[in-house]
């Protein structure tokens, strides 16, 4: 990558200023050793949620609430974010972050548990957007569940599909990277989806479920 392109990428990530609630959530993630979406990725999620006029969004991987804040900022004022994470203590940080960002308690539904145990309990066709930021080895399973959960015209997004450049590296890669490659092929070739790979953060794979 050229220096100009790296500078442009950094500029895109710094384009949107983050408020105190987002910075607080990022600090909690850093202290816990957790990754969080970049500002550029968050801004893209906010825009996609707004474009979809999203009222119901499902999130796989609550973390400390960074991505959730961005999603809620783009959703309708009466929208509800359903967010799933196997670690309840992370969700407590996210609750605080959402409250600090000014969102009422009824704007988010927190479900602790493994995503593939929780998702089958959610309503078919009941969601405008599904954001996946969980276990990379389960990406194809998340895709299958997302296709069931989304309404026609709904969006599915996957965070981190570049895997720090390993997805396109020809060297031997761990199973999670191989699964990401399979996910990229599956989304690109699916007759049910119209897809785009956005070069923000560590790669944001987005697709619309065809009406």
N, C-alpha and C. Protein backbone atom coordinates (compact mmCIF):
# COMPACT_ATOMS: atom_id res chain seq x y z
N UNK A 1 0.85 -1.19 0.00
CA UNK A 1 0.00 0.00 0.00
C UNK A 1 0.89 1.25 0.00
N UNK A 2 0.58 2.20 -0.84
CA UNK A 2 1.37 3.42 -0.91
C UNK A 2 1.15 4.29 0.32
N UNK A 3 2.11 5.19 0.56
CA UNK A 3 2.00 6.09 1.71
C UNK A 3 0.76 6.97 1.59
N UNK A 4 0.45 7.43 0.37
CA UNK A 4 -0.74 8.27 0.17
C UNK A 4 -2.01 7.52 0.50
N UNK A 5 -2.04 6.23 0.11
CA UNK A 5 -3.25 5.45 0.40
C UNK A 5 -3.38 5.21 1.90
N UNK A 6 -2.26 4.94 2.58
CA UNK A 6 -2.30 4.76 4.03
C UNK A 6 -2.77 6.03 4.72
N UNK A 7 -2.29 7.17 4.24
CA UNK A 7 -2.70 8.45 4.81
C UNK A 7 -4.19 8.69 4.59
N UNK A 8 -4.67 8.36 3.41
CA UNK A 8 -6.09 8.52 3.10
C UNK A 8 -6.95 7.62 3.98
N UNK A 9 -6.48 6.40 4.21
CA UNK A 9 -7.22 5.45 5.05
C UNK A 9 -7.29 5.99 6.48
N UNK A 10 -6.16 6.51 6.99
CA UNK A 10 -6.14 7.08 8.33
C UNK A 10 -7.05 8.30 8.41
N UNK A 11 -7.08 9.11 7.36
CA UNK A 11 -7.95 10.29 7.33
C UNK A 11 -9.41 9.88 7.39
N UNK A 12 -9.77 8.80 6.66
CA UNK A 12 -11.15 8.32 6.67
C UNK A 12 -11.56 7.86 8.06
N UNK A 13 -10.63 7.20 8.79
CA UNK A 13 -10.95 6.74 10.13
C UNK A 13 -11.08 7.90 11.12
N UNK A 14 -10.37 9.00 10.83
CA UNK A 14 -10.40 10.14 11.74
C UNK A 14 -11.45 11.18 11.34
N UNK A 15 -12.20 10.90 10.27
CA UNK A 15 -13.12 11.88 9.71
C UNK A 15 -14.24 12.24 10.68
N UNK A 16 -14.73 11.27 11.43
CA UNK A 16 -15.85 11.49 12.34
C UNK A 16 -15.33 11.61 13.77
N UNK A 17 -15.62 12.72 14.40
CA UNK A 17 -15.20 12.93 15.79
C UNK A 17 -16.06 12.09 16.73
N UNK A 18 -15.44 11.53 17.75
CA UNK A 18 -16.18 10.71 18.71
C UNK A 18 -16.39 11.49 20.01
N UNK A 19 -17.55 11.28 20.62
CA UNK A 19 -17.88 12.00 21.85
C UNK A 19 -17.35 11.24 23.07
N UNK A 20 -17.66 11.78 24.25
CA UNK A 20 -17.12 11.22 25.49
C UNK A 20 -17.62 9.80 25.73
N UNK A 21 -18.89 9.51 25.40
CA UNK A 21 -19.42 8.17 25.64
C UNK A 21 -18.69 7.13 24.80
N UNK A 22 -18.40 7.45 23.54
CA UNK A 22 -17.66 6.53 22.69
C UNK A 22 -16.22 6.36 23.18
N UNK A 23 -15.61 7.45 23.58
CA UNK A 23 -14.24 7.34 24.10
C UNK A 23 -14.18 6.50 25.36
N UNK A 24 -15.19 6.65 26.23
CA UNK A 24 -15.25 5.85 27.45
C UNK A 24 -15.38 4.37 27.11
N UNK A 25 -16.26 4.04 26.17
CA UNK A 25 -16.44 2.64 25.77
C UNK A 25 -15.15 2.09 25.16
N UNK A 26 -14.47 2.89 24.38
CA UNK A 26 -13.19 2.45 23.80
C UNK A 26 -12.14 2.19 24.88
N UNK A 27 -12.11 3.05 25.87
CA UNK A 27 -11.15 2.87 26.97
C UNK A 27 -11.42 1.56 27.71
N UNK A 28 -12.71 1.24 27.93
CA UNK A 28 -13.03 -0.01 28.63
C UNK A 28 -12.62 -1.23 27.78
N UNK A 29 -12.82 -1.13 26.47
CA UNK A 29 -12.40 -2.21 25.59
C UNK A 29 -10.89 -2.38 25.62
N UNK A 30 -10.16 -1.28 25.59
CA UNK A 30 -8.69 -1.33 25.61
C UNK A 30 -8.21 -1.97 26.91
N UNK A 31 -8.81 -1.58 28.02
CA UNK A 31 -8.42 -2.14 29.32
C UNK A 31 -8.67 -3.64 29.39
N UNK A 32 -9.74 -4.10 28.71
CA UNK A 32 -10.08 -5.52 28.72
C UNK A 32 -9.35 -6.31 27.64
N UNK A 33 -8.56 -5.62 26.83
CA UNK A 33 -7.86 -6.30 25.74
C UNK A 33 -8.76 -6.72 24.61
N UNK A 34 -9.87 -5.99 24.44
CA UNK A 34 -10.84 -6.33 23.40
C UNK A 34 -10.69 -5.39 22.20
N UNK A 35 -10.83 -5.91 20.99
CA UNK A 35 -10.87 -5.01 19.83
C UNK A 35 -12.22 -4.29 19.78
N UNK A 36 -12.23 -3.12 19.20
CA UNK A 36 -13.50 -2.42 18.96
C UNK A 36 -13.45 -1.84 17.55
N UNK A 37 -14.61 -1.62 16.98
CA UNK A 37 -14.66 -1.14 15.60
C UNK A 37 -13.98 0.22 15.51
N UNK A 38 -13.34 0.49 14.38
CA UNK A 38 -12.69 1.77 14.16
C UNK A 38 -13.75 2.86 13.98
N UNK A 39 -13.38 4.12 14.15
CA UNK A 39 -14.35 5.19 13.90
C UNK A 39 -14.92 5.14 12.49
N UNK A 40 -14.09 4.81 11.50
CA UNK A 40 -14.59 4.72 10.13
C UNK A 40 -15.62 3.61 9.97
N UNK A 41 -15.36 2.47 10.61
CA UNK A 41 -16.33 1.37 10.56
C UNK A 41 -17.61 1.76 11.28
N UNK A 42 -17.46 2.40 12.43
CA UNK A 42 -18.65 2.84 13.17
C UNK A 42 -19.49 3.81 12.37
N UNK A 43 -18.83 4.75 11.71
CA UNK A 43 -19.57 5.72 10.89
C UNK A 43 -20.30 5.03 9.75
N UNK A 44 -19.67 4.00 9.16
CA UNK A 44 -20.33 3.25 8.09
C UNK A 44 -21.56 2.52 8.62
N UNK A 45 -21.44 1.91 9.79
CA UNK A 45 -22.58 1.22 10.39
C UNK A 45 -23.71 2.19 10.70
N UNK A 46 -23.36 3.35 11.23
CA UNK A 46 -24.38 4.37 11.52
C UNK A 46 -25.11 4.78 10.25
N UNK A 47 -24.37 5.01 9.18
CA UNK A 47 -24.97 5.41 7.92
C UNK A 47 -25.85 4.30 7.35
N UNK A 48 -25.39 3.06 7.42
CA UNK A 48 -26.18 1.94 6.89
C UNK A 48 -27.47 1.75 7.68
N UNK A 49 -27.39 1.89 9.00
CA UNK A 49 -28.60 1.78 9.82
C UNK A 49 -29.59 2.88 9.47
N UNK A 50 -29.08 4.09 9.23
CA UNK A 50 -29.95 5.20 8.87
C UNK A 50 -30.55 5.00 7.48
N UNK A 51 -29.73 4.51 6.55
CA UNK A 51 -30.22 4.28 5.18
C UNK A 51 -31.32 3.24 5.17
N UNK A 52 -31.18 2.22 6.03
CA UNK A 52 -32.19 1.17 6.11
C UNK A 52 -33.40 1.59 6.94
N UNK A 53 -33.35 2.82 7.53
CA UNK A 53 -34.40 3.26 8.44
C UNK A 53 -34.68 2.18 9.47
N UNK A 54 -33.58 1.66 10.05
CA UNK A 54 -33.66 0.45 10.87
C UNK A 54 -34.40 0.67 12.17
N UNK A 55 -35.36 -0.20 12.40
CA UNK A 55 -36.10 -0.22 13.67
C UNK A 55 -35.66 -1.38 14.54
N UNK A 56 -35.23 -2.47 13.92
CA UNK A 56 -34.78 -3.66 14.66
C UNK A 56 -33.43 -4.09 14.11
N UNK A 57 -32.42 -4.09 14.97
CA UNK A 57 -31.06 -4.48 14.59
C UNK A 57 -30.58 -5.57 15.55
N UNK A 58 -29.93 -6.58 15.03
CA UNK A 58 -29.31 -7.63 15.85
C UNK A 58 -27.80 -7.49 15.74
N UNK A 59 -27.13 -7.57 16.87
CA UNK A 59 -25.67 -7.44 16.92
C UNK A 59 -25.08 -8.68 17.57
N UNK A 60 -24.12 -9.29 16.90
CA UNK A 60 -23.39 -10.44 17.45
C UNK A 60 -22.05 -9.91 17.94
N UNK A 61 -21.88 -9.87 19.26
CA UNK A 61 -20.66 -9.33 19.84
C UNK A 61 -20.88 -7.94 20.39
N UNK A 62 -21.37 -7.85 21.64
CA UNK A 62 -21.65 -6.55 22.25
C UNK A 62 -20.36 -5.78 22.52
N UNK A 63 -19.32 -6.50 22.98
CA UNK A 63 -18.12 -5.83 23.44
C UNK A 63 -18.45 -4.86 24.55
N UNK A 64 -17.86 -3.69 24.52
CA UNK A 64 -18.15 -2.68 25.54
C UNK A 64 -19.07 -1.58 25.02
N UNK A 65 -19.65 -1.79 23.84
CA UNK A 65 -20.71 -0.91 23.37
C UNK A 65 -20.34 0.08 22.28
N UNK A 66 -19.12 0.02 21.75
CA UNK A 66 -18.72 1.00 20.73
C UNK A 66 -19.58 0.87 19.48
N UNK A 67 -19.64 -0.32 18.92
CA UNK A 67 -20.44 -0.52 17.70
C UNK A 67 -21.92 -0.30 17.97
N UNK A 68 -22.36 -0.68 19.18
CA UNK A 68 -23.77 -0.50 19.52
C UNK A 68 -24.19 0.95 19.52
N UNK A 69 -23.32 1.82 20.03
CA UNK A 69 -23.64 3.25 20.02
C UNK A 69 -23.80 3.75 18.59
N UNK A 70 -22.87 3.38 17.73
CA UNK A 70 -22.96 3.81 16.34
C UNK A 70 -24.25 3.30 15.68
N UNK A 71 -24.60 2.04 15.92
CA UNK A 71 -25.82 1.50 15.34
C UNK A 71 -27.04 2.25 15.85
N UNK A 72 -27.11 2.49 17.16
CA UNK A 72 -28.24 3.21 17.73
C UNK A 72 -28.34 4.63 17.19
N UNK A 73 -27.20 5.27 16.95
CA UNK A 73 -27.22 6.63 16.40
C UNK A 73 -27.85 6.68 15.01
N UNK A 74 -27.72 5.58 14.26
CA UNK A 74 -28.29 5.56 12.92
C UNK A 74 -29.72 5.05 12.86
N UNK A 75 -30.14 4.34 13.90
CA UNK A 75 -31.47 3.74 13.89
C UNK A 75 -32.57 4.77 14.14
N UNK A 76 -33.80 4.36 13.87
CA UNK A 76 -34.95 5.20 14.18
C UNK A 76 -35.02 5.48 15.68
N UNK A 77 -35.62 6.61 16.07
CA UNK A 77 -35.70 6.94 17.50
C UNK A 77 -36.43 5.89 18.33
N UNK A 78 -37.30 5.11 17.68
CA UNK A 78 -38.03 4.06 18.41
C UNK A 78 -37.42 2.68 18.17
N UNK A 79 -36.24 2.64 17.56
CA UNK A 79 -35.61 1.36 17.23
C UNK A 79 -35.02 0.68 18.44
N UNK A 80 -34.91 -0.65 18.34
CA UNK A 80 -34.36 -1.46 19.43
C UNK A 80 -33.20 -2.30 18.90
N UNK A 81 -32.08 -2.22 19.59
CA UNK A 81 -30.90 -3.01 19.28
C UNK A 81 -30.90 -4.25 20.16
N UNK A 82 -30.89 -5.43 19.54
CA UNK A 82 -30.75 -6.70 20.27
C UNK A 82 -29.29 -7.13 20.14
N UNK A 83 -28.59 -7.17 21.26
CA UNK A 83 -27.15 -7.43 21.21
C UNK A 83 -26.79 -8.65 22.05
N UNK A 84 -25.97 -9.52 21.47
CA UNK A 84 -25.66 -10.83 22.05
C UNK A 84 -24.17 -10.92 22.33
N UNK A 85 -23.81 -11.41 23.52
CA UNK A 85 -22.40 -11.59 23.86
C UNK A 85 -22.29 -12.70 24.91
N UNK A 86 -21.25 -13.53 24.81
CA UNK A 86 -21.09 -14.59 25.81
C UNK A 86 -20.61 -14.09 27.16
N UNK A 87 -20.16 -12.84 27.26
CA UNK A 87 -19.60 -12.31 28.50
C UNK A 87 -20.50 -11.22 29.07
N UNK A 88 -21.33 -11.54 30.10
CA UNK A 88 -22.26 -10.55 30.65
C UNK A 88 -21.58 -9.30 31.20
N UNK A 89 -20.34 -9.42 31.70
CA UNK A 89 -19.67 -8.24 32.26
C UNK A 89 -19.38 -7.21 31.19
N UNK A 90 -19.12 -7.67 29.96
CA UNK A 90 -18.94 -6.72 28.86
C UNK A 90 -20.23 -5.95 28.61
N UNK A 91 -21.34 -6.66 28.69
CA UNK A 91 -22.61 -6.02 28.44
C UNK A 91 -22.94 -4.97 29.50
N UNK A 92 -22.42 -5.15 30.71
CA UNK A 92 -22.63 -4.12 31.74
C UNK A 92 -21.92 -2.83 31.35
N UNK A 93 -20.71 -2.94 30.80
CA UNK A 93 -20.02 -1.76 30.30
C UNK A 93 -20.83 -1.11 29.18
N UNK A 94 -21.38 -1.94 28.28
CA UNK A 94 -22.16 -1.40 27.17
C UNK A 94 -23.41 -0.68 27.67
N UNK A 95 -24.07 -1.22 28.69
CA UNK A 95 -25.23 -0.55 29.27
C UNK A 95 -24.85 0.87 29.73
N UNK A 96 -23.73 0.96 30.44
CA UNK A 96 -23.28 2.26 30.92
C UNK A 96 -22.97 3.20 29.76
N UNK A 97 -22.33 2.66 28.74
CA UNK A 97 -21.97 3.48 27.58
C UNK A 97 -23.22 3.98 26.87
N UNK A 98 -24.21 3.13 26.70
CA UNK A 98 -25.45 3.53 26.03
C UNK A 98 -26.15 4.62 26.83
N UNK A 99 -26.16 4.44 28.14
CA UNK A 99 -26.81 5.44 29.01
C UNK A 99 -26.07 6.77 28.91
N UNK A 100 -24.72 6.71 28.92
CA UNK A 100 -23.93 7.94 28.82
C UNK A 100 -24.14 8.63 27.48
N UNK A 101 -24.45 7.85 26.44
CA UNK A 101 -24.69 8.40 25.11
C UNK A 101 -26.10 8.98 24.98
N UNK A 102 -26.91 8.81 26.02
CA UNK A 102 -28.24 9.42 26.03
C UNK A 102 -29.37 8.52 25.57
N UNK A 103 -29.12 7.22 25.45
CA UNK A 103 -30.17 6.30 24.99
C UNK A 103 -30.95 5.74 26.18
N UNK A 104 -32.27 5.72 26.04
CA UNK A 104 -33.13 5.15 27.08
C UNK A 104 -32.87 3.65 27.21
N UNK A 105 -33.15 3.13 28.39
CA UNK A 105 -32.89 1.72 28.65
C UNK A 105 -33.64 0.78 27.73
N UNK A 106 -34.81 1.20 27.23
CA UNK A 106 -35.60 0.31 26.38
C UNK A 106 -35.12 0.29 24.92
N UNK A 107 -34.05 1.04 24.62
CA UNK A 107 -33.53 1.04 23.24
C UNK A 107 -32.64 -0.16 22.96
N UNK A 108 -32.24 -0.91 23.98
CA UNK A 108 -31.34 -2.05 23.77
C UNK A 108 -31.81 -3.25 24.58
N UNK A 109 -31.74 -4.41 23.96
CA UNK A 109 -32.05 -5.67 24.62
C UNK A 109 -30.77 -6.49 24.68
N UNK A 110 -30.27 -6.75 25.88
CA UNK A 110 -29.02 -7.47 26.06
C UNK A 110 -29.32 -8.95 26.34
N UNK A 111 -28.72 -9.81 25.53
CA UNK A 111 -28.90 -11.25 25.72
C UNK A 111 -27.53 -11.88 25.90
N UNK A 112 -27.22 -12.37 27.11
CA UNK A 112 -25.95 -13.05 27.31
C UNK A 112 -26.03 -14.48 26.77
N UNK A 113 -24.94 -14.93 26.16
CA UNK A 113 -24.93 -16.28 25.65
C UNK A 113 -24.16 -16.40 24.35
N UNK A 114 -23.91 -17.65 23.96
CA UNK A 114 -23.22 -17.91 22.70
C UNK A 114 -24.17 -17.60 21.55
N UNK A 115 -23.67 -16.90 20.54
CA UNK A 115 -24.54 -16.42 19.46
C UNK A 115 -25.34 -17.54 18.81
N UNK A 116 -24.72 -18.67 18.53
CA UNK A 116 -25.42 -19.74 17.82
C UNK A 116 -26.45 -20.45 18.70
N UNK A 117 -26.42 -20.18 20.00
CA UNK A 117 -27.50 -20.67 20.87
C UNK A 117 -28.64 -19.67 20.94
N UNK A 118 -28.32 -18.37 20.81
CA UNK A 118 -29.32 -17.31 20.95
C UNK A 118 -30.05 -17.01 19.64
N UNK A 119 -29.32 -16.93 18.54
CA UNK A 119 -29.91 -16.50 17.27
C UNK A 119 -31.11 -17.33 16.84
N UNK A 120 -31.11 -18.66 17.00
CA UNK A 120 -32.29 -19.43 16.59
C UNK A 120 -33.57 -19.04 17.32
N UNK A 121 -33.44 -18.33 18.43
CA UNK A 121 -34.63 -17.93 19.19
C UNK A 121 -35.20 -16.59 18.71
N UNK A 122 -34.48 -15.91 17.82
CA UNK A 122 -34.94 -14.62 17.32
C UNK A 122 -35.88 -14.81 16.13
N UNK A 123 -36.74 -13.83 15.89
CA UNK A 123 -37.84 -13.97 14.94
C UNK A 123 -37.37 -13.97 13.48
N UNK A 124 -37.93 -14.88 12.69
CA UNK A 124 -37.66 -14.92 11.26
C UNK A 124 -38.12 -13.61 10.61
N UNK A 125 -37.25 -13.05 9.76
CA UNK A 125 -37.62 -11.85 9.02
C UNK A 125 -37.91 -10.63 9.87
N UNK A 126 -37.44 -10.63 11.11
CA UNK A 126 -37.80 -9.56 12.03
C UNK A 126 -36.78 -8.44 12.14
N UNK A 127 -35.72 -8.46 11.33
CA UNK A 127 -34.63 -7.51 11.53
C UNK A 127 -34.28 -6.78 10.23
N UNK A 128 -33.93 -5.51 10.41
CA UNK A 128 -33.54 -4.67 9.28
C UNK A 128 -32.04 -4.76 9.00
N UNK A 129 -31.26 -5.07 10.02
CA UNK A 129 -29.81 -5.14 9.89
C UNK A 129 -29.27 -6.12 10.92
N UNK A 130 -28.31 -6.93 10.51
CA UNK A 130 -27.59 -7.82 11.42
C UNK A 130 -26.11 -7.50 11.31
N UNK A 131 -25.49 -7.17 12.44
CA UNK A 131 -24.06 -6.86 12.47
C UNK A 131 -23.32 -7.99 13.18
N UNK A 132 -22.35 -8.58 12.50
CA UNK A 132 -21.64 -9.75 13.02
C UNK A 132 -20.21 -9.39 13.38
N UNK A 133 -19.89 -9.48 14.66
CA UNK A 133 -18.54 -9.20 15.15
C UNK A 133 -18.22 -10.19 16.26
N UNK A 134 -18.43 -11.48 15.95
CA UNK A 134 -18.21 -12.52 16.94
C UNK A 134 -17.07 -13.44 16.55
N UNK A 135 -17.23 -14.71 16.87
CA UNK A 135 -16.21 -15.72 16.60
C UNK A 135 -16.05 -15.89 15.09
N UNK A 136 -14.87 -15.60 14.56
CA UNK A 136 -14.65 -15.67 13.11
C UNK A 136 -14.86 -17.08 12.56
N UNK A 137 -14.61 -18.11 13.38
CA UNK A 137 -14.77 -19.48 12.89
C UNK A 137 -16.24 -19.84 12.69
N UNK A 138 -17.15 -19.02 13.22
CA UNK A 138 -18.59 -19.27 13.09
C UNK A 138 -19.24 -18.37 12.05
N UNK A 139 -18.43 -17.69 11.25
CA UNK A 139 -18.96 -16.68 10.32
C UNK A 139 -20.00 -17.24 9.36
N UNK A 140 -19.76 -18.42 8.80
CA UNK A 140 -20.72 -18.99 7.85
C UNK A 140 -22.04 -19.33 8.54
N UNK A 141 -21.97 -19.74 9.80
CA UNK A 141 -23.20 -20.00 10.56
C UNK A 141 -23.95 -18.70 10.83
N UNK A 142 -23.20 -17.64 11.12
CA UNK A 142 -23.84 -16.33 11.31
C UNK A 142 -24.53 -15.89 10.02
N UNK A 143 -23.90 -16.15 8.89
CA UNK A 143 -24.52 -15.78 7.62
C UNK A 143 -25.84 -16.50 7.42
N UNK A 144 -25.85 -17.80 7.68
CA UNK A 144 -27.09 -18.58 7.52
C UNK A 144 -28.19 -18.05 8.43
N UNK A 145 -27.84 -17.74 9.68
CA UNK A 145 -28.84 -17.21 10.61
C UNK A 145 -29.30 -15.83 10.17
N UNK A 146 -28.37 -15.02 9.66
CA UNK A 146 -28.73 -13.67 9.23
C UNK A 146 -29.73 -13.69 8.08
N UNK A 147 -29.54 -14.60 7.14
CA UNK A 147 -30.47 -14.70 6.02
C UNK A 147 -31.88 -15.04 6.51
N UNK A 148 -31.96 -15.80 7.58
CA UNK A 148 -33.26 -16.13 8.15
C UNK A 148 -33.85 -14.94 8.90
N UNK A 149 -32.99 -14.19 9.59
CA UNK A 149 -33.46 -13.11 10.44
C UNK A 149 -33.86 -11.85 9.66
N UNK A 150 -33.22 -11.63 8.51
CA UNK A 150 -33.42 -10.37 7.79
C UNK A 150 -34.72 -10.32 7.01
N UNK A 151 -35.33 -9.16 7.01
CA UNK A 151 -36.44 -8.91 6.10
C UNK A 151 -35.88 -8.74 4.70
N UNK A 152 -36.68 -8.92 3.65
CA UNK A 152 -36.21 -8.60 2.31
C UNK A 152 -35.76 -7.14 2.24
N UNK A 153 -34.58 -6.90 1.67
CA UNK A 153 -34.02 -5.56 1.64
C UNK A 153 -33.19 -5.22 2.85
N UNK A 154 -33.11 -6.15 3.81
CA UNK A 154 -32.30 -5.93 5.01
C UNK A 154 -30.82 -6.14 4.74
N UNK A 155 -29.99 -5.67 5.66
CA UNK A 155 -28.53 -5.69 5.51
C UNK A 155 -27.87 -6.62 6.51
N UNK A 156 -26.80 -7.29 6.06
CA UNK A 156 -25.93 -8.02 6.97
C UNK A 156 -24.52 -7.48 6.79
N UNK A 157 -23.80 -7.29 7.90
CA UNK A 157 -22.44 -6.73 7.87
C UNK A 157 -21.53 -7.58 8.74
N UNK A 158 -20.32 -7.82 8.25
CA UNK A 158 -19.31 -8.58 8.98
C UNK A 158 -18.08 -7.71 9.19
N UNK A 159 -17.64 -7.60 10.42
CA UNK A 159 -16.47 -6.80 10.78
C UNK A 159 -15.20 -7.67 10.74
N UNK A 160 -14.08 -7.04 10.37
CA UNK A 160 -12.78 -7.68 10.50
C UNK A 160 -12.43 -8.70 9.44
N UNK A 161 -13.01 -8.58 8.24
CA UNK A 161 -12.78 -9.62 7.23
C UNK A 161 -11.41 -9.53 6.57
N UNK A 162 -10.66 -8.44 6.80
CA UNK A 162 -9.28 -8.38 6.29
C UNK A 162 -8.32 -9.17 7.18
N UNK A 163 -8.71 -9.34 8.46
CA UNK A 163 -7.88 -10.09 9.41
C UNK A 163 -6.44 -9.58 9.41
N UNK A 164 -6.29 -8.27 9.50
CA UNK A 164 -4.95 -7.65 9.51
C UNK A 164 -4.12 -8.05 8.30
N UNK A 165 -4.78 -8.18 7.17
CA UNK A 165 -4.08 -8.49 5.93
C UNK A 165 -3.89 -9.97 5.66
N UNK A 166 -4.25 -10.83 6.61
CA UNK A 166 -4.01 -12.27 6.44
C UNK A 166 -4.96 -12.91 5.45
N UNK A 167 -6.14 -12.30 5.24
CA UNK A 167 -7.11 -12.91 4.33
C UNK A 167 -6.57 -13.00 2.91
N UNK A 168 -5.73 -12.05 2.52
CA UNK A 168 -5.18 -12.07 1.16
C UNK A 168 -3.72 -12.54 1.14
N UNK A 169 -3.19 -12.94 2.29
CA UNK A 169 -1.81 -13.42 2.37
C UNK A 169 -1.76 -14.88 1.92
N UNK A 170 -0.84 -15.20 1.02
CA UNK A 170 -0.76 -16.55 0.47
C UNK A 170 -0.10 -17.55 1.43
N UNK A 171 0.48 -17.07 2.52
CA UNK A 171 1.10 -17.97 3.50
C UNK A 171 0.03 -18.79 4.21
N UNK A 172 0.46 -19.88 4.85
CA UNK A 172 -0.47 -20.72 5.61
C UNK A 172 -1.15 -19.88 6.69
N UNK A 173 -2.47 -20.07 6.84
CA UNK A 173 -3.27 -19.25 7.75
C UNK A 173 -4.06 -20.13 8.72
N UNK A 174 -4.42 -19.58 9.88
CA UNK A 174 -5.21 -20.33 10.86
C UNK A 174 -6.64 -20.54 10.38
N UNK A 175 -7.38 -21.44 11.05
CA UNK A 175 -8.76 -21.75 10.63
C UNK A 175 -9.67 -20.54 10.54
N UNK A 176 -9.51 -19.56 11.43
CA UNK A 176 -10.43 -18.42 11.39
C UNK A 176 -10.27 -17.61 10.10
N UNK A 177 -9.05 -17.52 9.59
CA UNK A 177 -8.83 -16.80 8.34
C UNK A 177 -9.38 -17.60 7.16
N UNK A 178 -9.21 -18.91 7.20
CA UNK A 178 -9.76 -19.76 6.13
C UNK A 178 -11.28 -19.64 6.10
N UNK A 179 -11.89 -19.54 7.27
CA UNK A 179 -13.35 -19.39 7.32
C UNK A 179 -13.78 -18.03 6.77
N UNK A 180 -12.98 -17.00 7.01
CA UNK A 180 -13.31 -15.69 6.45
C UNK A 180 -13.25 -15.72 4.93
N UNK A 181 -12.28 -16.44 4.38
CA UNK A 181 -12.21 -16.57 2.92
C UNK A 181 -13.45 -17.28 2.39
N UNK A 182 -13.90 -18.30 3.11
CA UNK A 182 -15.12 -19.01 2.70
C UNK A 182 -16.32 -18.08 2.79
N UNK A 183 -16.37 -17.27 3.83
CA UNK A 183 -17.46 -16.31 3.98
C UNK A 183 -17.50 -15.33 2.82
N UNK A 184 -16.36 -14.79 2.46
CA UNK A 184 -16.29 -13.83 1.35
C UNK A 184 -16.80 -14.46 0.06
N UNK A 185 -16.39 -15.69 -0.21
CA UNK A 185 -16.87 -16.38 -1.42
C UNK A 185 -18.37 -16.61 -1.36
N UNK A 186 -18.84 -17.06 -0.20
CA UNK A 186 -20.27 -17.37 -0.06
C UNK A 186 -21.14 -16.13 -0.26
N UNK A 187 -20.72 -15.00 0.32
CA UNK A 187 -21.49 -13.77 0.19
C UNK A 187 -21.45 -13.27 -1.25
N UNK A 188 -20.27 -13.29 -1.86
CA UNK A 188 -20.12 -12.79 -3.23
C UNK A 188 -20.93 -13.62 -4.22
N UNK A 189 -21.01 -14.93 -3.98
CA UNK A 189 -21.66 -15.82 -4.93
C UNK A 189 -23.12 -16.10 -4.62
N UNK A 190 -23.62 -15.62 -3.50
CA UNK A 190 -25.00 -15.91 -3.11
C UNK A 190 -26.00 -15.21 -4.03
N UNK A 191 -26.95 -15.94 -4.59
CA UNK A 191 -27.98 -15.30 -5.42
C UNK A 191 -28.97 -14.47 -4.58
N UNK A 192 -28.92 -14.66 -3.25
CA UNK A 192 -29.83 -13.93 -2.37
C UNK A 192 -29.29 -12.57 -1.96
N UNK A 193 -28.03 -12.28 -2.26
CA UNK A 193 -27.38 -11.10 -1.71
C UNK A 193 -26.75 -10.22 -2.78
N UNK A 194 -26.75 -8.91 -2.53
CA UNK A 194 -25.97 -7.94 -3.29
C UNK A 194 -24.91 -7.41 -2.32
N UNK A 195 -23.63 -7.57 -2.64
CA UNK A 195 -22.61 -7.35 -1.64
C UNK A 195 -21.61 -6.27 -2.03
N UNK A 196 -20.90 -5.77 -1.01
CA UNK A 196 -19.80 -4.83 -1.20
C UNK A 196 -18.84 -5.01 -0.03
N UNK A 197 -17.54 -4.90 -0.33
CA UNK A 197 -16.50 -5.00 0.70
C UNK A 197 -15.93 -3.60 0.91
N UNK A 198 -16.18 -3.03 2.07
CA UNK A 198 -15.77 -1.65 2.35
C UNK A 198 -14.41 -1.63 3.03
N UNK A 199 -13.47 -0.84 2.50
CA UNK A 199 -12.13 -0.77 3.09
C UNK A 199 -12.07 0.22 4.25
N UNK A 200 -12.83 -0.03 5.30
CA UNK A 200 -12.78 0.77 6.52
C UNK A 200 -12.37 -0.15 7.67
N UNK A 201 -11.63 0.41 8.63
CA UNK A 201 -11.17 -0.40 9.74
C UNK A 201 -10.41 -1.61 9.26
N UNK A 202 -10.80 -2.78 9.74
CA UNK A 202 -10.17 -4.03 9.33
C UNK A 202 -11.03 -4.76 8.30
N UNK A 203 -11.81 -4.00 7.52
CA UNK A 203 -12.63 -4.58 6.46
C UNK A 203 -14.04 -4.84 6.91
N UNK A 204 -15.00 -4.22 6.24
CA UNK A 204 -16.42 -4.40 6.57
C UNK A 204 -17.13 -4.97 5.35
N UNK A 205 -17.54 -6.23 5.46
CA UNK A 205 -18.27 -6.90 4.39
C UNK A 205 -19.75 -6.64 4.59
N UNK A 206 -20.41 -6.06 3.58
CA UNK A 206 -21.83 -5.71 3.68
C UNK A 206 -22.61 -6.34 2.53
N UNK A 207 -23.83 -6.72 2.80
CA UNK A 207 -24.67 -7.29 1.75
C UNK A 207 -26.13 -7.00 2.06
N UNK A 208 -26.88 -6.77 0.98
CA UNK A 208 -28.33 -6.56 1.08
C UNK A 208 -29.03 -7.83 0.65
N UNK A 209 -30.00 -8.26 1.44
CA UNK A 209 -30.83 -9.40 1.04
C UNK A 209 -31.79 -8.94 -0.05
N UNK A 210 -31.72 -9.59 -1.18
CA UNK A 210 -32.57 -9.18 -2.30
C UNK A 210 -34.05 -9.27 -1.92
N UNK A 211 -34.85 -8.27 -2.35
CA UNK A 211 -36.30 -8.31 -2.08
C UNK A 211 -36.95 -9.50 -2.75
